[in-house]
């Protein structure tokens, strides 16, 4: 078994952190289809990778040239910048030559980690994004949609929801092609939607009786705690629905066009495809 593990390490050239997550899983699928040797960076990977256990990092980095960095739970959490610095320093020392970081749009804390990667001394690309389309079909909001009521502390602020397939395409381009080094792509979808408008599109696409209800932040936090959500995640969600969802992201960019030479997928297309794939089937 040990010999097999070594062979696996030697055969891999690209490490995808969060390789089972929303964007990481799609990046792995695309790289594999291209014939690029991939190592999945996750607690269940071979070898395992755990952000909370730095002792796992070096084995996961052995033989790696390119790294797609997604940080769990979010670059906005306290200590993220220091962790990213320690990881990138190790990655460069062990031979990594290209780093692609998934960052948060409108997150001052995330931008500190961006600077760490930019100053690592190797090729870098930053993908700065905000709310994923897939949060409605693969995240906690899916259960709310299935329950018929999506109650969140988000009012009339419009977000440029982005499809994770666009993010994955950009990540793969940055990992495998020339011309993306030193680029910061601020990526958005092609339209601005409120959460209520997004839910309405999903309801019309699926034919489900689902509605959006705006609640206060106190009600939202109380509900999370009642459901047993860990305190750290409660703090993160509160941050995302206050500091990030304050209107600072209510404008569109052409980051997808610059990265991929095409327009981003719109929300209606995402909703149609997700529904067809059974995302909201009970």
C-alpha atoms as a PDB file:
ATOM      1  CA  UNK A   1       0.000   0.000   0.000  1.00  0.00           C
ATOM      2  CA  UNK A   2       2.845   2.370   0.787  1.00  0.00           C
ATOM      3  CA  UNK A   3       4.353   1.829  -2.678  1.00  0.00           C
ATOM      4  CA  UNK A   4       0.972   2.563  -4.258  1.00  0.00           C
ATOM      5  CA  UNK A   5       0.676   5.814  -2.302  1.00  0.00           C
ATOM      6  CA  UNK A   6       4.147   6.934  -3.437  1.00  0.00           C
ATOM      7  CA  UNK A   7       3.261   6.188  -7.038  1.00  0.00           C
ATOM      8  CA  UNK A   8       0.091   8.235  -6.640  1.00  0.00           C
ATOM      9  CA  UNK A   9       2.099  11.169  -5.307  1.00  0.00           C
ATOM     10  CA  UNK A  10       4.673  10.960  -8.104  1.00  0.00           C
ATOM     11  CA  UNK A  11       1.931  10.840 -10.737  1.00  0.00           C
ATOM     12  CA  UNK A  12       0.169  13.976  -9.532  1.00  0.00           C
ATOM     13  CA  UNK A  13       1.169  17.432 -10.730  1.00  0.00           C
ATOM     14  CA  UNK A  14      -1.789  19.514  -9.562  1.00  0.00           C
ATOM     15  CA  UNK A  15      -3.182  19.704  -6.050  1.00  0.00           C
ATOM     16  CA  UNK A  16      -6.817  20.783  -5.785  1.00  0.00           C
ATOM     17  CA  UNK A  17      -7.610  21.842  -2.251  1.00  0.00           C
ATOM     18  CA  UNK A  18     -11.242  21.391  -1.370  1.00  0.00           C
ATOM     19  CA  UNK A  19     -11.319  18.865  -4.173  1.00  0.00           C
ATOM     20  CA  UNK A  20     -14.711  17.523  -3.107  1.00  0.00           C
ATOM     21  CA  UNK A  21     -16.315  20.963  -2.681  1.00  0.00           C
ATOM     22  CA  UNK A  22     -18.469  23.064  -4.990  1.00  0.00           C
ATOM     23  CA  UNK A  23     -15.677  24.454  -7.151  1.00  0.00           C
ATOM     24  CA  UNK A  24     -12.928  21.939  -6.359  1.00  0.00           C
ATOM     25  CA  UNK A  25     -14.983  18.970  -7.501  1.00  0.00           C
ATOM     26  CA  UNK A  26     -15.612  20.633 -10.841  1.00  0.00           C
ATOM     27  CA  UNK A  27     -11.954  21.572 -11.229  1.00  0.00           C
ATOM     28  CA  UNK A  28     -10.942  17.953 -10.595  1.00  0.00           C
ATOM     29  CA  UNK A  29     -13.439  16.705 -13.180  1.00  0.00           C
ATOM     30  CA  UNK A  30     -12.156  19.107 -15.822  1.00  0.00           C
ATOM     31  CA  UNK A  31      -8.475  18.449 -15.159  1.00  0.00           C
ATOM     32  CA  UNK A  32      -9.069  14.702 -15.237  1.00  0.00           C
ATOM     33  CA  UNK A  33     -10.881  15.027 -18.572  1.00  0.00           C
ATOM     34  CA  UNK A  34      -7.836  16.888 -19.903  1.00  0.00           C
ATOM     35  CA  UNK A  35      -5.550  14.117 -18.721  1.00  0.00           C
ATOM     36  CA  UNK A  36      -3.877  16.266 -16.077  1.00  0.00           C
ATOM     37  CA  UNK A  37      -2.670  14.222 -13.082  1.00  0.00           C
ATOM     38  CA  UNK A  38      -4.639  15.478 -10.079  1.00  0.00           C
ATOM     39  CA  UNK A  39      -4.399  15.035  -6.326  1.00  0.00           C
ATOM     40  CA  UNK A  40      -7.520  15.782  -4.311  1.00  0.00           C
ATOM     41  CA  UNK A  41      -6.757  17.814  -1.212  1.00  0.00           C
ATOM     42  CA  UNK A  42      -9.300  16.781   1.400  1.00  0.00           C
ATOM     43  CA  UNK A  43      -9.480  14.962   4.699  1.00  0.00           C
ATOM     44  CA  UNK A  44     -10.440  11.806   2.817  1.00  0.00           C
ATOM     45  CA  UNK A  45      -7.822  12.296   0.095  1.00  0.00           C
ATOM     46  CA  UNK A  46      -4.749  10.127  -0.474  1.00  0.00           C
ATOM     47  CA  UNK A  47      -2.717  11.420   1.236  1.00  0.00           C
ATOM     48  CA  UNK A  48      -5.189  13.358   3.416  1.00  0.00           C
ATOM     49  CA  UNK A  49      -5.103  17.144   3.647  1.00  0.00           C
ATOM     50  CA  UNK A  50      -6.601  19.108   6.533  1.00  0.00           C
ATOM     51  CA  UNK A  51      -6.327  22.882   6.912  1.00  0.00           C
ATOM     52  CA  UNK A  52      -6.540  22.429  10.675  1.00  0.00           C
ATOM     53  CA  UNK A  53      -3.634  19.954  10.724  1.00  0.00           C
ATOM     54  CA  UNK A  54      -0.480  21.459   9.161  1.00  0.00           C
ATOM     55  CA  UNK A  55       1.253  18.105   9.624  1.00  0.00           C
ATOM     56  CA  UNK A  56      -0.771  16.848   6.629  1.00  0.00           C
ATOM     57  CA  UNK A  57       0.319  19.587   4.239  1.00  0.00           C
ATOM     58  CA  UNK A  58       3.789  18.490   3.197  1.00  0.00           C
ATOM     59  CA  UNK A  59       2.804  14.994   2.080  1.00  0.00           C
ATOM     60  CA  UNK A  60      -0.039  16.437   0.000  1.00  0.00           C
ATOM     61  CA  UNK A  61       2.400  18.863  -1.661  1.00  0.00           C
ATOM     62  CA  UNK A  62       5.066  16.324  -2.628  1.00  0.00           C
ATOM     63  CA  UNK A  63       5.659  16.403  -6.398  1.00  0.00           C
ATOM     64  CA  UNK A  64       3.105  19.170  -6.919  1.00  0.00           C
ATOM     65  CA  UNK A  65       3.694  21.921  -9.478  1.00  0.00           C
ATOM     66  CA  UNK A  66       0.305  23.697  -9.485  1.00  0.00           C
ATOM     67  CA  UNK A  67      -2.092  24.329  -6.585  1.00  0.00           C
ATOM     68  CA  UNK A  68      -5.732  25.422  -6.607  1.00  0.00           C
ATOM     69  CA  UNK A  69      -6.290  26.968  -3.187  1.00  0.00           C
ATOM     70  CA  UNK A  70      -9.725  27.077  -1.598  1.00  0.00           C
ATOM     71  CA  UNK A  71      -9.745  27.766   2.114  1.00  0.00           C
ATOM     72  CA  UNK A  72     -12.245  26.271   4.537  1.00  0.00           C
ATOM     73  CA  UNK A  73     -14.410  27.633   5.973  1.00  0.00           C
ATOM     74  CA  UNK A  74     -13.686  31.059   4.454  1.00  0.00           C
ATOM     75  CA  UNK A  75     -10.817  33.496   3.992  1.00  0.00           C
ATOM     76  CA  UNK A  76     -12.719  35.942   6.188  1.00  0.00           C
ATOM     77  CA  UNK A  77     -12.330  33.910   9.378  1.00  0.00           C
ATOM     78  CA  UNK A  78      -9.739  34.989  11.961  1.00  0.00           C
ATOM     79  CA  UNK A  79      -6.314  33.474  11.326  1.00  0.00           C
ATOM     80  CA  UNK A  80      -6.896  32.720   7.651  1.00  0.00           C
ATOM     81  CA  UNK A  81      -4.174  35.071   6.446  1.00  0.00           C
ATOM     82  CA  UNK A  82      -1.560  33.469   8.694  1.00  0.00           C
ATOM     83  CA  UNK A  83      -2.620  29.977   7.631  1.00  0.00           C
ATOM     84  CA  UNK A  84      -2.448  30.879   3.947  1.00  0.00           C
ATOM     85  CA  UNK A  85       1.018  32.350   4.475  1.00  0.00           C
ATOM     86  CA  UNK A  86       2.303  29.199   6.171  1.00  0.00           C
ATOM     87  CA  UNK A  87       0.810  27.006   3.456  1.00  0.00           C
ATOM     88  CA  UNK A  88       2.107  29.041   0.512  1.00  0.00           C
ATOM     89  CA  UNK A  89       5.587  29.237   2.050  1.00  0.00           C
ATOM     90  CA  UNK A  90       5.621  25.452   2.338  1.00  0.00           C
ATOM     91  CA  UNK A  91       4.179  24.978  -1.143  1.00  0.00           C
ATOM     92  CA  UNK A  92       6.915  27.104  -2.704  1.00  0.00           C
ATOM     93  CA  UNK A  93       9.643  25.363  -0.695  1.00  0.00           C
ATOM     94  CA  UNK A  94       8.424  21.957  -1.877  1.00  0.00           C
ATOM     95  CA  UNK A  95       8.396  22.969  -5.546  1.00  0.00           C
ATOM     96  CA  UNK A  96       5.047  24.555  -6.400  1.00  0.00           C
ATOM     97  CA  UNK A  97       5.394  26.970  -9.318  1.00  0.00           C
ATOM     98  CA  UNK A  98       1.836  28.172  -9.876  1.00  0.00           C
ATOM     99  CA  UNK A  99      -0.834  29.118  -7.310  1.00  0.00           C
ATOM    100  CA  UNK A 100      -4.488  29.833  -8.101  1.00  0.00           C
ATOM    101  CA  UNK A 101      -6.475  31.272  -5.196  1.00  0.00           C
ATOM    102  CA  UNK A 102     -10.256  31.375  -4.884  1.00  0.00           C
ATOM    103  CA  UNK A 103     -11.004  34.582  -3.012  1.00  0.00           C
ATOM    104  CA  UNK A 104     -14.042  36.446  -1.725  1.00  0.00           C
ATOM    105  CA  UNK A 105     -15.408  39.545  -3.425  1.00  0.00           C
ATOM    106  CA  UNK A 106     -16.106  42.399  -1.046  1.00  0.00           C
ATOM    107  CA  UNK A 107     -14.142  40.740   1.768  1.00  0.00           C
ATOM    108  CA  UNK A 108     -11.331  42.890   3.136  1.00  0.00           C
ATOM    109  CA  UNK A 109      -9.963  39.939   5.107  1.00  0.00           C
ATOM    110  CA  UNK A 110      -9.807  37.806   1.977  1.00  0.00           C
ATOM    111  CA  UNK A 111      -7.751  40.447   0.223  1.00  0.00           C
ATOM    112  CA  UNK A 112      -5.046  40.041   2.866  1.00  0.00           C
ATOM    113  CA  UNK A 113      -4.688  36.400   1.792  1.00  0.00           C
ATOM    114  CA  UNK A 114      -4.630  37.515  -1.837  1.00  0.00           C
ATOM    115  CA  UNK A 115      -1.589  39.645  -1.093  1.00  0.00           C
ATOM    116  CA  UNK A 116       0.127  36.695   0.570  1.00  0.00           C
ATOM    117  CA  UNK A 117      -0.268  34.626  -2.590  1.00  0.00           C
ATOM    118  CA  UNK A 118       0.764  37.532  -4.817  1.00  0.00           C
ATOM    119  CA  UNK A 119       3.985  37.900  -2.834  1.00  0.00           C
ATOM    120  CA  UNK A 120       4.834  34.172  -2.739  1.00  0.00           C
ATOM    121  CA  UNK A 121       7.490  34.468  -5.457  1.00  0.00           C
ATOM    122  CA  UNK A 122       5.839  32.148  -7.994  1.00  0.00           C
ATOM    123  CA  UNK A 123       3.174  32.491 -10.691  1.00  0.00           C
ATOM    124  CA  UNK A 124      -0.220  33.394  -9.248  1.00  0.00           C
ATOM    125  CA  UNK A 125      -3.800  33.994 -10.325  1.00  0.00           C
ATOM    126  CA  UNK A 126      -6.625  35.286  -8.123  1.00  0.00           C
ATOM    127  CA  UNK A 127     -10.271  34.404  -8.783  1.00  0.00           C
ATOM    128  CA  UNK A 128     -12.329  36.845  -6.720  1.00  0.00           C
ATOM    129  CA  UNK A 129     -16.003  35.893  -6.559  1.00  0.00           C
ATOM    130  CA  UNK A 130     -19.096  36.319  -4.412  1.00  0.00           C
ATOM    131  CA  UNK A 131     -22.248  34.225  -3.940  1.00  0.00           C
ATOM    132  CA  UNK A 132     -22.434  30.986  -5.946  1.00  0.00           C
ATOM    133  CA  UNK A 133     -25.529  30.022  -7.933  1.00  0.00           C
ATOM    134  CA  UNK A 134     -24.985  26.542  -6.539  1.00  0.00           C
ATOM    135  CA  UNK A 135     -25.545  27.723  -2.964  1.00  0.00           C
ATOM    136  CA  UNK A 136     -29.223  27.375  -3.841  1.00  0.00           C
ATOM    137  CA  UNK A 137     -28.894  23.754  -4.969  1.00  0.00           C
ATOM    138  CA  UNK A 138     -25.891  22.312  -3.137  1.00  0.00           C
ATOM    139  CA  UNK A 139     -25.761  24.374   0.044  1.00  0.00           C
ATOM    140  CA  UNK A 140     -27.979  24.951   3.050  1.00  0.00           C
ATOM    141  CA  UNK A 141     -30.502  26.921   0.985  1.00  0.00           C
ATOM    142  CA  UNK A 142     -31.480  23.767  -0.894  1.00  0.00           C
ATOM    143  CA  UNK A 143     -33.237  22.430   2.198  1.00  0.00           C
ATOM    144  CA  UNK A 144     -35.033  25.753   2.639  1.00  0.00           C
ATOM    145  CA  UNK A 145     -36.234  25.620  -0.966  1.00  0.00           C
ATOM    146  CA  UNK A 146     -37.497  22.072  -0.496  1.00  0.00           C
ATOM    147  CA  UNK A 147     -39.324  23.263   2.614  1.00  0.00           C
ATOM    148  CA  UNK A 148     -41.124  25.929   0.599  1.00  0.00           C
ATOM    149  CA  UNK A 149     -39.879  28.978   2.508  1.00  0.00           C
ATOM    150  CA  UNK A 150     -36.473  30.627   2.201  1.00  0.00           C
ATOM    151  CA  UNK A 151     -36.125  32.953   5.190  1.00  0.00           C
ATOM    152  CA  UNK A 152     -32.923  35.019   5.157  1.00  0.00           C
ATOM    153  CA  UNK A 153     -31.769  38.444   6.402  1.00  0.00           C
ATOM    154  CA  UNK A 154     -31.290  39.777   2.864  1.00  0.00           C
ATOM    155  CA  UNK A 155     -33.452  42.600   1.562  1.00  0.00           C
ATOM    156  CA  UNK A 156     -33.315  44.490  -1.707  1.00  0.00           C
ATOM    157  CA  UNK A 157     -29.549  44.299  -2.147  1.00  0.00           C
ATOM    158  CA  UNK A 158     -28.730  42.814  -5.545  1.00  0.00           C
ATOM    159  CA  UNK A 159     -25.970  40.262  -5.990  1.00  0.00           C
ATOM    160  CA  UNK A 160     -24.178  39.191  -9.188  1.00  0.00           C
ATOM    161  CA  UNK A 161     -24.582  35.460  -8.455  1.00  0.00           C
ATOM    162  CA  UNK A 162     -21.979  33.431 -10.339  1.00  0.00           C
ATOM    163  CA  UNK A 163     -22.074  29.866 -11.613  1.00  0.00           C
ATOM    164  CA  UNK A 164     -19.401  27.580 -10.149  1.00  0.00           C
ATOM    165  CA  UNK A 165     -18.931  26.070 -13.606  1.00  0.00           C
ATOM    166  CA  UNK A 166     -17.583  29.453 -14.728  1.00  0.00           C
ATOM    167  CA  UNK A 167     -15.280  29.544 -11.707  1.00  0.00           C
ATOM    168  CA  UNK A 168     -14.037  26.017 -12.415  1.00  0.00           C
ATOM    169  CA  UNK A 169     -13.403  26.834 -16.082  1.00  0.00           C
ATOM    170  CA  UNK A 170     -11.361  29.880 -15.057  1.00  0.00           C
ATOM    171  CA  UNK A 171      -9.425  27.899 -12.463  1.00  0.00           C
ATOM    172  CA  UNK A 172      -8.539  25.182 -14.971  1.00  0.00           C
ATOM    173  CA  UNK A 173      -7.460  27.772 -17.524  1.00  0.00           C
ATOM    174  CA  UNK A 174      -5.213  29.422 -14.931  1.00  0.00           C
ATOM    175  CA  UNK A 175      -3.759  26.062 -13.875  1.00  0.00           C
ATOM    176  CA  UNK A 176      -3.080  24.715 -17.366  1.00  0.00           C
ATOM    177  CA  UNK A 177      -2.628  27.649 -19.742  1.00  0.00           C
ATOM    178  CA  UNK A 178      -0.176  30.489 -20.126  1.00  0.00           C
ATOM    179  CA  UNK A 179      -1.331  34.084 -20.000  1.00  0.00           C
ATOM    180  CA  UNK A 180      -3.093  34.081 -16.632  1.00  0.00           C
ATOM    181  CA  UNK A 181      -0.105  34.632 -14.372  1.00  0.00           C
ATOM    182  CA  UNK A 182      -0.286  37.862 -12.380  1.00  0.00           C
ATOM    183  CA  UNK A 183      -3.992  38.311 -13.156  1.00  0.00           C
ATOM    184  CA  UNK A 184      -6.730  39.098 -10.653  1.00  0.00           C
ATOM    185  CA  UNK A 185     -10.070  38.161 -12.173  1.00  0.00           C
ATOM    186  CA  UNK A 186     -13.029  39.692 -10.358  1.00  0.00           C
ATOM    187  CA  UNK A 187     -15.792  37.448 -11.613  1.00  0.00           C
ATOM    188  CA  UNK A 188     -19.549  37.964 -11.565  1.00  0.00           C
ATOM    189  CA  UNK A 189     -22.589  36.590 -13.279  1.00  0.00           C
ATOM    190  CA  UNK A 190     -24.211  38.645 -16.071  1.00  0.00           C
ATOM    191  CA  UNK A 191     -27.065  40.118 -13.982  1.00  0.00           C
ATOM    192  CA  UNK A 192     -27.869  41.523 -10.556  1.00  0.00           C
ATOM    193  CA  UNK A 193     -30.575  39.738  -8.562  1.00  0.00           C
ATOM    194  CA  UNK A 194     -31.995  40.022  -5.082  1.00  0.00           C
ATOM    195  CA  UNK A 195     -32.390  36.789  -3.162  1.00  0.00           C
ATOM    196  CA  UNK A 196     -36.147  37.116  -3.620  1.00  0.00           C
ATOM    197  CA  UNK A 197     -35.740  37.390  -7.399  1.00  0.00           C
ATOM    198  CA  UNK A 198     -33.399  34.390  -7.462  1.00  0.00           C
ATOM    199  CA  UNK A 199     -35.887  32.293  -5.492  1.00  0.00           C
ATOM    200  CA  UNK A 200     -38.672  33.411  -7.822  1.00  0.00           C
ATOM    201  CA  UNK A 201     -36.679  32.215 -10.833  1.00  0.00           C
ATOM    202  CA  UNK A 202     -36.149  28.833  -9.174  1.00  0.00           C
ATOM    203  CA  UNK A 203     -39.852  28.573  -8.291  1.00  0.00           C
ATOM    204  CA  UNK A 204     -40.900  29.315 -11.869  1.00  0.00           C
ATOM    205  CA  UNK A 205     -38.331  26.912 -13.306  1.00  0.00           C
ATOM    206  CA  UNK A 206     -39.219  24.021 -11.014  1.00  0.00           C
ATOM    207  CA  UNK A 207     -42.938  24.670 -10.585  1.00  0.00           C
ATOM    208  CA  UNK A 208     -42.401  24.368  -6.835  1.00  0.00           C
ATOM    209  CA  UNK A 209     -44.380  26.461  -4.374  1.00  0.00           C
ATOM    210  CA  UNK A 210     -41.479  28.274  -2.770  1.00  0.00           C
ATOM    211  CA  UNK A 211     -41.315  31.847  -1.534  1.00  0.00           C
ATOM    212  CA  UNK A 212     -38.755  34.186  -0.049  1.00  0.00           C
ATOM    213  CA  UNK A 213     -39.248  35.837   3.345  1.00  0.00           C
ATOM    214  CA  UNK A 214     -36.960  38.526   4.701  1.00  0.00           C
ATOM    215  CA  UNK A 215     -36.176  38.168   8.401  1.00  0.00           C
ATOM    216  CA  UNK A 216     -34.032  40.145  10.806  1.00  0.00           C
ATOM    217  CA  UNK A 217     -30.430  39.235  11.555  1.00  0.00           C
ATOM    218  CA  UNK A 218     -31.414  38.414  15.139  1.00  0.00           C
ATOM    219  CA  UNK A 219     -34.073  35.994  13.916  1.00  0.00           C
ATOM    220  CA  UNK A 220     -31.596  34.438  11.510  1.00  0.00           C
ATOM    221  CA  UNK A 221     -28.949  33.929  14.192  1.00  0.00           C
ATOM    222  CA  UNK A 222     -31.502  32.547  16.632  1.00  0.00           C
ATOM    223  CA  UNK A 223     -32.674  30.056  14.031  1.00  0.00           C
ATOM    224  CA  UNK A 224     -29.140  28.897  13.279  1.00  0.00           C
ATOM    225  CA  UNK A 225     -28.397  28.364  16.959  1.00  0.00           C
ATOM    226  CA  UNK A 226     -31.673  26.513  17.432  1.00  0.00           C
ATOM    227  CA  UNK A 227     -30.640  24.136  14.654  1.00  0.00           C
ATOM    228  CA  UNK A 228     -27.303  23.507  16.379  1.00  0.00           C
ATOM    229  CA  UNK A 229     -25.101  25.285  13.849  1.00  0.00           C
ATOM    230  CA  UNK A 230     -21.580  25.664  15.354  1.00  0.00           C
ATOM    231  CA  UNK A 231     -20.745  29.114  16.707  1.00  0.00           C
ATOM    232  CA  UNK A 232     -17.948  29.637  14.190  1.00  0.00           C
ATOM    233  CA  UNK A 233     -20.284  28.992  11.275  1.00  0.00           C
ATOM    234  CA  UNK A 234     -22.930  31.251  12.812  1.00  0.00           C
ATOM    235  CA  UNK A 235     -20.360  34.057  12.942  1.00  0.00           C
ATOM    236  CA  UNK A 236     -19.317  33.425   9.335  1.00  0.00           C
ATOM    237  CA  UNK A 237     -22.888  33.435   8.010  1.00  0.00           C
ATOM    238  CA  UNK A 238     -23.624  36.586   9.976  1.00  0.00           C
ATOM    239  CA  UNK A 239     -20.572  38.207   8.395  1.00  0.00           C
ATOM    240  CA  UNK A 240     -21.624  37.141   4.906  1.00  0.00           C
ATOM    241  CA  UNK A 241     -25.158  38.489   5.349  1.00  0.00           C
ATOM    242  CA  UNK A 242     -23.988  41.807   6.808  1.00  0.00           C
ATOM    243  CA  UNK A 243     -20.524  42.979   5.804  1.00  0.00           C
ATOM    244  CA  UNK A 244     -20.497  41.264   2.407  1.00  0.00           C
ATOM    245  CA  UNK A 245     -24.179  41.697   1.575  1.00  0.00           C
ATOM    246  CA  UNK A 246     -24.156  45.467   2.088  1.00  0.00           C
ATOM    247  CA  UNK A 247     -24.384  46.533  -1.534  1.00  0.00           C
ATOM    248  CA  UNK A 248     -20.627  46.700  -2.123  1.00  0.00           C
ATOM    249  CA  UNK A 249     -20.899  43.898  -4.692  1.00  0.00           C
ATOM    250  CA  UNK A 250     -23.943  45.300  -6.485  1.00  0.00           C
ATOM    251  CA  UNK A 251     -22.153  45.899  -9.752  1.00  0.00           C
ATOM    252  CA  UNK A 252     -21.067  43.674 -12.601  1.00  0.00           C
ATOM    253  CA  UNK A 253     -17.558  43.016 -13.879  1.00  0.00           C
ATOM    254  CA  UNK A 254     -16.120  41.437 -17.012  1.00  0.00           C
ATOM    255  CA  UNK A 255     -13.767  39.050 -15.179  1.00  0.00           C
ATOM    256  CA  UNK A 256     -15.260  35.946 -16.779  1.00  0.00           C
ATOM    257  CA  UNK A 257     -14.850  37.499 -20.236  1.00  0.00           C
ATOM    258  CA  UNK A 258     -11.213  38.343 -19.553  1.00  0.00           C
ATOM    259  CA  UNK A 259     -10.444  34.898 -18.122  1.00  0.00           C
ATOM    260  CA  UNK A 260     -12.346  32.760 -20.611  1.00  0.00           C
ATOM    261  CA  UNK A 261     -13.158  34.901 -23.633  1.00  0.00           C
ATOM    262  CA  UNK A 262     -16.894  34.346 -23.224  1.00  0.00           C
ATOM    263  CA  UNK A 263     -19.826  35.627 -21.237  1.00  0.00           C
ATOM    264  CA  UNK A 264     -20.798  34.076 -17.868  1.00  0.00           C
ATOM    265  CA  UNK A 265     -23.784  31.757 -17.550  1.00  0.00           C
ATOM    266  CA  UNK A 266     -26.966  33.459 -16.397  1.00  0.00           C
ATOM    267  CA  UNK A 267     -29.038  32.403 -13.407  1.00  0.00           C
ATOM    268  CA  UNK A 268     -31.977  31.139 -15.471  1.00  0.00           C
ATOM    269  CA  UNK A 269     -29.697  28.722 -17.321  1.00  0.00           C
ATOM    270  CA  UNK A 270     -28.239  27.525 -14.023  1.00  0.00           C
ATOM    271  CA  UNK A 271     -31.720  26.996 -12.540  1.00  0.00           C
ATOM    272  CA  UNK A 272     -32.917  25.084 -15.605  1.00  0.00           C
ATOM    273  CA  UNK A 273     -29.875  22.793 -15.650  1.00  0.00           C
ATOM    274  CA  UNK A 274     -29.930  22.226 -11.893  1.00  0.00           C
ATOM    275  CA  UNK A 275     -33.621  21.369 -11.986  1.00  0.00           C
ATOM    276  CA  UNK A 276     -33.092  18.963 -14.885  1.00  0.00           C
ATOM    277  CA  UNK A 277     -30.347  17.254 -12.857  1.00  0.00           C
ATOM    278  CA  UNK A 278     -32.770  16.761  -9.957  1.00  0.00           C
ATOM    279  CA  UNK A 279     -31.237  19.324  -7.616  1.00  0.00           C
ATOM    280  CA  UNK A 280     -34.589  20.162  -6.048  1.00  0.00           C
ATOM    281  CA  UNK A 281     -36.232  16.773  -6.250  1.00  0.00           C
ATOM    282  CA  UNK A 282     -37.530  15.830  -2.819  1.00  0.00           C
END
